Amino acid sequence: MSKLVIPVEIEPLEEGGYLAACDAIQGCHAEGETVAEALENLEDVARILLELRREDGLPFPENLQPLEPGAVIKAQLVVTVAE
C-alpha cells in the first residue's frame, strides 16, 4: 500500500457544514457537518479515485507526495475560544 500526502482546502458552506477539496485529484471533494467529517469523507473519495486510476493504468498526479517514514505532516487548526 502507498501512503500519499495530498493538499487539501476546506471552506465553510453557506447552508452549514464544510467542503473539503483536493484540486490535485480531479473530482476529489467531499462535504461534512464538521471539518473532521469533511476530511474523513475526502479521504475515502481520494482513496477511491486513486485506486480507480491505478486500475486503469494511469499514473497518480505528479504533485502528490509519498509519505516518507518518520515524516512530519504540517497542518493548521481552527479553534473557537469563548469570549
C-alpha atoms as a PDB file:
ATOM      1  CA  MET A   1       0.000   0.000   0.000  1.00  0.00           C
ATOM      2  CA  SER A   2       1.168   3.503  -0.822  1.00  0.00           C
ATOM      3  CA  LYS A   3       0.649   6.426   1.522  1.00  0.00           C
ATOM      4  CA  LEU A   4       0.411   9.810  -0.162  1.00  0.00           C
ATOM      5  CA  VAL A   5       0.194  13.323   1.227  1.00  0.00           C
ATOM      6  CA  ILE A   6      -2.457  15.307  -0.637  1.00  0.00           C
ATOM      7  CA  PRO A   7      -3.039  19.061  -0.477  1.00  0.00           C
ATOM      8  CA  VAL A   8      -6.470  19.924   0.923  1.00  0.00           C
ATOM      9  CA  GLU A   9      -8.526  23.104   1.175  1.00  0.00           C
ATOM     10  CA  ILE A  10     -11.545  23.369   3.488  1.00  0.00           C
ATOM     11  CA  GLU A  11     -14.212  26.036   3.345  1.00  0.00           C
ATOM     12  CA  PRO A  12     -17.457  26.622   5.226  1.00  0.00           C
ATOM     13  CA  LEU A  13     -20.677  26.210   3.259  1.00  0.00           C
ATOM     14  CA  GLU A  14     -23.423  28.837   3.386  1.00  0.00           C
ATOM     15  CA  GLU A  15     -26.013  26.224   4.315  1.00  0.00           C
ATOM     16  CA  GLY A  16     -23.783  24.881   7.095  1.00  0.00           C
ATOM     17  CA  GLY A  17     -21.112  22.257   7.174  1.00  0.00           C
ATOM     18  CA  TYR A  18     -17.831  22.226   5.307  1.00  0.00           C
ATOM     19  CA  LEU A  19     -16.466  21.397   1.868  1.00  0.00           C
ATOM     20  CA  ALA A  20     -13.056  19.725   1.660  1.00  0.00           C
ATOM     21  CA  ALA A  21     -11.357  19.525  -1.726  1.00  0.00           C
ATOM     22  CA  CYS A  22      -8.092  18.361  -3.270  1.00  0.00           C
ATOM     23  CA  ASP A  23      -7.557  20.160  -6.570  1.00  0.00           C
ATOM     24  CA  ALA A  24      -4.615  17.855  -7.363  1.00  0.00           C
ATOM     25  CA  ILE A  25      -7.045  14.960  -7.944  1.00  0.00           C
ATOM     26  CA  GLN A  26      -9.800  15.640 -10.464  1.00  0.00           C
ATOM     27  CA  GLY A  27     -13.247  15.351  -8.857  1.00  0.00           C
ATOM     28  CA  CYS A  28     -11.866  14.983  -5.331  1.00  0.00           C
ATOM     29  CA  HIS A  29     -14.196  16.821  -2.970  1.00  0.00           C
ATOM     30  CA  ALA A  30     -16.491  15.924  -0.082  1.00  0.00           C
ATOM     31  CA  GLU A  31     -18.773  17.590   2.447  1.00  0.00           C
ATOM     32  CA  GLY A  32     -19.277  17.063   6.159  1.00  0.00           C
ATOM     33  CA  GLU A  33     -21.083  18.589   9.113  1.00  0.00           C
ATOM     34  CA  THR A  34     -17.712  19.265  10.760  1.00  0.00           C
ATOM     35  CA  VAL A  35     -14.194  19.835   9.445  1.00  0.00           C
ATOM     36  CA  ALA A  36     -13.220  16.393  10.750  1.00  0.00           C
ATOM     37  CA  GLU A  37     -16.143  14.709   8.970  1.00  0.00           C
ATOM     38  CA  ALA A  38     -15.387  16.532   5.710  1.00  0.00           C
ATOM     39  CA  LEU A  39     -11.758  15.376   5.905  1.00  0.00           C
ATOM     40  CA  GLU A  40     -12.772  11.799   6.682  1.00  0.00           C
ATOM     41  CA  ASN A  41     -15.157  11.781   3.717  1.00  0.00           C
ATOM     42  CA  LEU A  42     -12.488  13.326   1.488  1.00  0.00           C
ATOM     43  CA  GLU A  43     -10.030  10.607   2.481  1.00  0.00           C
ATOM     44  CA  ASP A  44     -12.498   7.979   1.244  1.00  0.00           C
ATOM     45  CA  VAL A  45     -13.111   9.846  -2.033  1.00  0.00           C
ATOM     46  CA  ALA A  46      -9.378  10.344  -2.654  1.00  0.00           C
ATOM     47  CA  ARG A  47      -8.653   6.661  -1.999  1.00  0.00           C
ATOM     48  CA  ILE A  48     -11.368   5.549  -4.416  1.00  0.00           C
ATOM     49  CA  LEU A  49     -10.281   7.965  -7.157  1.00  0.00           C
ATOM     50  CA  LEU A  50      -6.619   6.965  -6.826  1.00  0.00           C
ATOM     51  CA  GLU A  51      -7.461   3.244  -6.813  1.00  0.00           C
ATOM     52  CA  LEU A  52      -9.523   3.744  -9.985  1.00  0.00           C
ATOM     53  CA  ARG A  53      -6.554   5.498 -11.628  1.00  0.00           C
ATOM     54  CA  ARG A  54      -4.310   2.576 -10.676  1.00  0.00           C
ATOM     55  CA  GLU A  55      -6.835   0.035 -12.050  1.00  0.00           C
ATOM     56  CA  ASP A  56      -6.994   1.994 -15.325  1.00  0.00           C
ATOM     57  CA  GLY A  57      -3.194   2.004 -15.569  1.00  0.00           C
ATOM     58  CA  LEU A  58      -2.992   5.767 -15.114  1.00  0.00           C
ATOM     59  CA  PRO A  59      -0.264   7.420 -13.035  1.00  0.00           C
ATOM     60  CA  PHE A  60      -1.014   9.340  -9.886  1.00  0.00           C
ATOM     61  CA  PRO A  61      -0.961  13.133 -10.267  1.00  0.00           C
ATOM     62  CA  GLU A  62       2.638  14.391 -10.193  1.00  0.00           C
ATOM     63  CA  ASN A  63       2.117  16.862  -7.359  1.00  0.00           C
ATOM     64  CA  LEU A  64       1.149  14.167  -4.818  1.00  0.00           C
ATOM     65  CA  GLN A  65       3.989  13.332  -2.451  1.00  0.00           C
ATOM     66  CA  PRO A  66       4.667   9.908  -0.935  1.00  0.00           C
ATOM     67  CA  LEU A  67       4.648   9.867   2.844  1.00  0.00           C
ATOM     68  CA  GLU A  68       8.219   9.172   3.908  1.00  0.00           C
ATOM     69  CA  PRO A  69       8.764   7.129   7.086  1.00  0.00           C
ATOM     70  CA  GLY A  70       9.002   9.453  10.075  1.00  0.00           C
ATOM     71  CA  ALA A  71       7.865  12.472   8.030  1.00  0.00           C
ATOM     72  CA  VAL A  72       6.103  15.327   9.780  1.00  0.00           C
ATOM     73  CA  ILE A  73       2.827  16.474   8.217  1.00  0.00           C
ATOM     74  CA  LYS A  74       2.104  20.130   8.876  1.00  0.00           C
ATOM     75  CA  ALA A  75      -1.481  21.305   9.254  1.00  0.00           C
ATOM     76  CA  GLN A  76      -3.438  24.254  10.524  1.00  0.00           C
ATOM     77  CA  LEU A  77      -6.255  24.054  13.027  1.00  0.00           C
ATOM     78  CA  VAL A  78      -9.071  26.489  13.743  1.00  0.00           C
ATOM     79  CA  VAL A  79     -10.004  26.675  17.430  1.00  0.00           C
ATOM     80  CA  THR A  80     -13.028  28.564  18.723  1.00  0.00           C
ATOM     81  CA  VAL A  81     -12.471  30.203  22.099  1.00  0.00           C
ATOM     82  CA  ALA A  82     -15.294  31.686  24.174  1.00  0.00           C
ATOM     83  CA  GLU A  83     -15.014  35.412  24.797  1.00  0.00           C
END
